[in-house]
């Protein structure tokens, strides 16, 4: 078709239009991808900056960011330059292309690369540079430790180097050497490829032919790699001090007498090999380099591998205990020092199984303080009795703390939980964005109960309860919990001036009101926590961060709004102290009238000389971590560990405080140099806070794991391995998980009064009887004795059973079975056995286990009905520990305890009970009175008071029966 001038328009080729579209589309896609990555990075960095500013740890963010950025740039530039310059030189010194044959196999690569050679060079350099930068940036902790490392003041016995060299310097030096070696090898391969493509290296029947330029460049790169390899051998000698491949970790006889000398020889051979490669520059021959490589390979095979193997097989193995003895002693010493158990010894303990009435009375105070409530079982009771509203929750495993309550100056064990908001407890119709993020924003107060008391129906005896809170724990203002373990991902708080509050706060009229938002008061957050987001810019930032456009569109986001996120106490501490390993058990405490969270922080290393390496995950795993009741630690391998920091997070405003705890830890001192204002001195810990600091459970688990073998300090006995212990399986859990340690107040041998302790037991390696009892003083206010580990070792021929044997003994005992018969026969109840506690009492070993009864059905919860106890072969059961213990010792005739109930039909939690007549209750009261008088005559005031309380309950029950 012609136009008006009679000319025919040119025809457009469809393929041309397609190519033009691709040329437009591809840059557009690349541009959008770059913008997306850059935008995401900007949003992440800027919101992180705002978050760190909100917790006054801006210095940590800046230091980490600048360190990572500097390392990224340094490694990226270095890596890009090394490979870029070498590839450029290889291309620049290529042979004349006119002399190359067209049937050369590399010709097709040459034809493809030649048009884009410059872009290919930039792409390779950029890729290697980017990859190098990412690797370097990831090692910012290793770099800072190397740059600021402190002295340990202790030298290793073989090289005489300060331990700080191994902990701080070696990881960085090994990383640099490994990085350089890998970079040189990659560069050599890239250079060889370029030379091959452009004719510098030609494949021939008699072997590859190199141009002079290709020969020099490849030889120099391999020579440099061999020099780096020599440095690697030099460092390998020191790395033997924490090598894990031998009979034990550290330098062994073979390492000292064969492997380390072999490393010295290999280091010299590697240097000679490098010089032979460099000689190619002048000689133009591969003869010397080939000879050097052959020498290095032969030396590595004969001296590096064969010599140590022959020495181990023919010199060490026939006399291994004698050869390895001195080195094993160093391993024992180093391991005990690295895990903080160098001062721990074992004390002989008779564990007799009989007590006289006088001894029983003398130890009554210790028994009365024993914690009976099981934190792993009573969460449903806390939930049902003190939840108050469906949108509140408590964790499945509660925490144990101690408080001085009422007029009693002696702190008592308390089971405590924070009452946190739980969005899953809302009805489906309530789950809107506004409700989730602007209305249901916080929990309220704590729930706490005596650890050693039970109500008349087996329910907890409260220390703190209800909303508003009542009880012995006093609060300085409303104890709102905006930061906790179950808090929403983010909440937006703050209202315009004069606007009505919208955050659900407390139920009107207290805990007894029916559930419903109309029955609650409202509140507006006025704490200093959270990030201000009144500006449109910040609202857009957080809309992108949380992928939620309502943050920009909602009218509830206003000029006074703040956004609260990263609310888990452990996460907040991890962010402000990324160099710490954190304990898996975060617990709440009421300090100076405020609810705070306490988190224990560890400094660790895996480079401590002569120390046995441990997996944190393996050492700390038990029933609680397997059931997700406690956070499992990472799989990091460590051979040094210190509880160096105590962290406190305010539950209302999210303030994070890091307090120095181990004042002698060189790793903490090093990090304090890196972040000078992050950790406050130990002297800043208030006396009120000190009362609630405790020995951390994961530290104890790791030490327990170490001492299962390293309680033996004699090298010969250690080698024979006949004294190894093991941690028992948990008898109250299904499967083969390890029994967790328990916090409780108990008196050890020679103790005048009970002390708050963390306890565990050991079994012999191949038996089920008890081998030892381990405890640590957990009272931080006891400055002289806090952290003192004690092991009570039982005689090898002891008759005291281990936890699983005792659990089986309880289950098969006729008295216990008779007491549980009515529950076993009922299809509406479940029997739950609590934590099996092991206690040293008056030279004997006491086992105590609470038994809970729970009705099957919604709304039920376990109630503590019975206590079982045993000394040796005697088993007792009762409604109190003292009663069960007297039955076990034969000091009181056993009877089948019957649970008492005000309703006459069901105990607390809905468990069915037997109903007594008024005459039976009066008979019980008379019996309790006689027992009280007998206890008074013996001077046993604790038992006297317990029996008087029992008598009062029996009289009240009789009165209720008569009134029916």
Foldseek 3Di string as FASTA:
>chain_A
DADPVRDDDDDDDPVVVVVVVVVVVVVVVVVVVVCVVVVVVVLVLVVLCLQCVLQVLNVLSVLLVVLLVVQLVVQLVVLLCLLLVLQVLLLVPFDDLVPDDCPAPLNVVLVVCVVVVVVVSVVVSNVRSNVRSVVRSVCSVLVLLQVQFDFLPDAAPPPRDTLSCLFRVLVVLLVVLVVLLVSLVVSLVSSVVSNDNRVQWGQDPVGIDGDLSNLQSSLLSVLVSLLSVLVVLVSVLLLQLQDPPDPFGGQFLLSNPAQNVLSVVLSVLSNQLSVQSNCCNPPVDCPSNVVSVVVNVVSCPVRNPVVSVCCCVPPCVVPVLVRGQVLLLSLLCLLCVQLVNNPEAAAAFAFAQADDPLQCLLQVQQQLQWFFDFQQAFLLLCCLVFLLALQWGWFNGWDWWWDQFDPRNDTGIKTKTFTWGHPVSDDPVQPDPCCQAEAAQWGWGMWMFGRRDADLQQGTHTQWGKVVIDHRQAADPTAIFRFADRGHQKHKFDDPPPDAARYFDAFAPMSPDDDDSVRTHGDGADASAFRQDQDLVSLVSVCVVVVNCCSNVPPRRHNGMGMHHLRHLVSLVCVSCVQWFKFQDWHWDQFPRYIKIKIFTKHFGSRRGSFGKDFLQVLQWFPCCVVVVTPGTHRDITSHMDRQWIWMAGRRRRHIAIEGDPPSDSVVVSVCVSVVPRYDYNVPQDPRNLQGFWDGQSSVSNVVVVCQLSSDSRSSCSVVVQSGWDAAHFQQDPDRGGAGWDWGWGDDPPDPHTATKTKGFIDGPPDFATFKIKIAGIRSVVPVRHGPIHIHGYDPPDLHGHPNVVVVLLVPDPLNCLLCVVVVPDPFKDKHKHGWDWGDRSSHIKTKIWIWMAGPDPSFRTGGAKMWMERRNFIAMDRHPVRRVCRSNVVDPHDRDWRDPLVQAARHRRHGTHGDALVVLQVLLVVLCVQLVVCVVSVSNVSNVVSNVSSVVSNVSSVSNVVD
